[in-house]
Amino acid sequence: MLSAPTLWTAFVVNFLALGLIWAYVTRSYPKFEAARFWTASAFAAAGGAALASLRVVVDSLLPLLAGGTVLIFAACLAAMGVRRFYDRPVGWRQTALITGLGFAGVVFFIVGYDSVAMRMFVYSACQVLPFALTLKLLLSR
């Protein structure tokens, strides 16, 4: 059976490997702007997973809050890469809004009303939202 530290380590290593691949693509094809966002997304996800893995060592929810917020930001960066792939402008305000609302929602369900289920819902919804907003691009011709 896998333990939580093993899973977090696998996430960090996986995102670092993905980031290295996208960094190579970015360097090889400098005009491919989407690759920059996908590189940043992979490295941000590695950092977020590393922050969240500190929860195993520290008896606090702050590592999960910080790691979750960075992972939401990484999802937004990946969606921004999809927008650049389709030659659409990226929305930094949208990214800031989704990341900020995710942070605020998780903080509320840590401090105001302690609910693990609602924290997971807010985190999951904020990770899915950037990709849901790109579905129109992905499904169009």
Protein backbone atom coordinates (compact mmCIF):
# COMPACT_ATOMS: atom_id res chain seq x y z
CA MET A 1 0.00 0.00 0.00
CA LEU A 2 1.25 3.48 -0.84
CA SER A 3 1.75 6.04 1.86
CA ALA A 4 1.08 9.77 1.60
CA PRO A 5 4.80 10.72 1.52
CA THR A 6 5.37 8.25 -1.33
CA LEU A 7 2.51 9.72 -3.34
CA TRP A 8 3.66 13.31 -2.77
CA THR A 9 7.19 12.32 -3.82
CA ALA A 10 5.84 10.72 -6.98
CA PHE A 11 3.87 13.90 -7.77
CA VAL A 12 6.92 16.12 -7.27
CA VAL A 13 9.17 13.91 -9.41
CA ASN A 14 6.50 13.57 -12.10
CA PHE A 15 5.92 17.33 -12.36
CA LEU A 16 9.66 18.04 -12.36
CA ALA A 17 10.16 15.57 -15.22
CA LEU A 18 7.27 17.12 -17.12
CA GLY A 19 8.72 20.59 -16.50
CA LEU A 20 12.09 19.52 -17.89
CA ILE A 21 10.43 18.17 -21.02
CA TRP A 22 8.47 21.38 -21.56
CA ALA A 23 11.61 23.43 -20.86
CA TYR A 24 13.35 21.53 -23.65
CA VAL A 25 10.41 22.15 -25.99
CA THR A 26 10.41 25.85 -25.04
CA ARG A 27 14.12 26.11 -25.76
CA SER A 28 13.88 24.17 -29.03
CA TYR A 29 10.86 26.11 -30.32
CA PRO A 30 11.12 29.65 -28.95
CA LYS A 31 8.10 30.91 -30.92
CA PHE A 32 5.83 28.26 -29.41
CA GLU A 33 4.41 30.52 -26.69
CA ALA A 34 2.10 27.91 -25.17
CA ALA A 35 5.10 25.83 -24.13
CA ARG A 36 6.26 28.63 -21.81
CA PHE A 37 3.00 28.47 -19.90
CA TRP A 38 3.06 24.68 -19.77
CA THR A 39 6.66 24.75 -18.51
CA ALA A 40 5.74 27.22 -15.79
CA SER A 41 2.66 25.16 -14.95
CA ALA A 42 4.66 21.95 -14.50
CA PHE A 43 7.31 23.59 -12.31
CA ALA A 44 4.65 25.42 -10.27
CA ALA A 45 2.83 22.11 -9.77
CA ALA A 46 6.08 20.52 -8.59
CA GLY A 47 6.51 23.36 -6.09
CA GLY A 48 2.90 23.08 -4.95
CA ALA A 49 3.20 19.34 -4.45
CA ALA A 50 6.45 19.85 -2.53
CA LEU A 51 4.78 22.44 -0.29
CA ALA A 52 1.79 20.19 0.32
CA SER A 53 4.07 17.28 1.19
CA LEU A 54 5.28 19.26 4.20
CA ARG A 55 1.93 18.39 5.80
CA VAL A 56 3.46 15.01 6.64
CA VAL A 57 6.16 16.72 8.74
CA VAL A 58 4.24 19.69 10.17
CA ASP A 59 1.06 19.34 12.21
CA SER A 60 -0.68 22.25 10.50
CA LEU A 61 -2.94 22.82 7.52
CA LEU A 62 -0.79 25.70 6.24
CA PRO A 63 1.31 23.47 3.94
CA LEU A 64 -1.88 22.12 2.36
CA LEU A 65 -3.23 25.66 1.97
CA ALA A 66 -0.02 26.94 0.35
CA GLY A 67 0.45 23.83 -1.80
CA GLY A 68 -3.19 23.80 -2.88
CA THR A 69 -3.08 27.47 -3.85
CA VAL A 70 0.07 26.93 -5.93
CA LEU A 71 -1.51 23.88 -7.59
CA ILE A 72 -4.61 25.94 -8.49
CA PHE A 73 -2.27 28.56 -9.97
CA ALA A 74 -0.50 25.79 -11.93
CA ALA A 75 -3.84 24.66 -13.38
CA CYS A 76 -4.54 28.25 -14.42
CA LEU A 77 -1.13 28.46 -16.12
CA ALA A 78 -1.83 25.24 -18.02
CA ALA A 79 -5.16 26.63 -19.20
CA MET A 80 -3.43 29.85 -20.24
CA GLY A 81 -1.12 27.70 -22.36
CA VAL A 82 -4.16 26.22 -24.08
CA ARG A 83 -5.40 29.74 -24.82
CA ARG A 84 -2.01 30.72 -26.30
CA PHE A 85 -2.00 27.51 -28.35
CA TYR A 86 -5.20 28.73 -30.00
CA ASP A 87 -3.75 32.26 -30.42
CA ARG A 88 -6.09 33.76 -27.83
CA PRO A 89 -4.97 36.33 -25.26
CA VAL A 90 -4.31 35.05 -21.76
CA GLY A 91 -6.27 36.35 -18.80
CA TRP A 92 -4.03 37.20 -15.86
CA ARG A 93 -6.99 38.76 -14.03
CA GLN A 94 -8.95 35.55 -14.45
CA THR A 95 -5.99 33.58 -13.10
CA ALA A 96 -5.64 35.91 -10.12
CA LEU A 97 -9.38 35.74 -9.46
CA ILE A 98 -9.58 31.94 -9.57
CA THR A 99 -6.44 31.51 -7.47
CA GLY A 100 -7.54 34.16 -4.96
CA LEU A 101 -11.05 32.75 -4.62
CA GLY A 102 -9.62 29.26 -4.17
CA PHE A 103 -7.31 30.52 -1.44
CA ALA A 104 -10.13 32.44 0.27
CA GLY A 105 -12.51 29.48 0.05
CA VAL A 106 -10.03 27.05 1.55
CA VAL A 107 -9.13 29.54 4.31
CA PHE A 108 -12.83 29.97 5.11
CA PHE A 109 -13.30 26.21 5.42
CA ILE A 110 -10.21 25.94 7.63
CA VAL A 111 -10.83 28.90 9.94
CA GLY A 112 -14.51 29.85 9.69
CA TYR A 113 -16.21 26.49 9.30
CA ASP A 114 -13.94 23.47 9.53
CA SER A 115 -15.04 21.09 6.78
CA VAL A 116 -12.70 18.73 4.94
CA ALA A 117 -15.33 17.95 2.30
CA MET A 118 -15.88 21.62 1.47
CA ARG A 119 -12.12 22.28 1.34
CA MET A 120 -11.75 19.47 -1.19
CA PHE A 121 -14.74 20.76 -3.15
CA VAL A 122 -13.39 24.33 -3.35
CA TYR A 123 -9.91 23.09 -4.27
CA SER A 124 -11.24 20.72 -6.93
CA ALA A 125 -13.66 23.27 -8.39
CA CYS A 126 -10.92 25.89 -8.67
CA GLN A 127 -8.63 23.40 -10.40
CA VAL A 128 -11.30 22.33 -12.88
CA LEU A 129 -12.63 25.82 -13.64
CA PRO A 130 -9.70 27.04 -15.80
CA PHE A 131 -9.92 23.91 -17.97
CA ALA A 132 -13.71 24.14 -18.19
CA LEU A 133 -13.31 27.68 -19.50
CA THR A 134 -11.07 26.38 -22.32
CA LEU A 135 -13.51 23.68 -23.45
CA LYS A 136 -15.03 25.99 -26.07
CA LEU A 137 -11.59 26.33 -27.68
CA LEU A 138 -10.83 22.63 -27.44
CA LEU A 139 -14.15 21.58 -28.96
CA SER A 140 -14.21 24.17 -31.77
CA ARG A 141 -12.69 23.55 -35.16
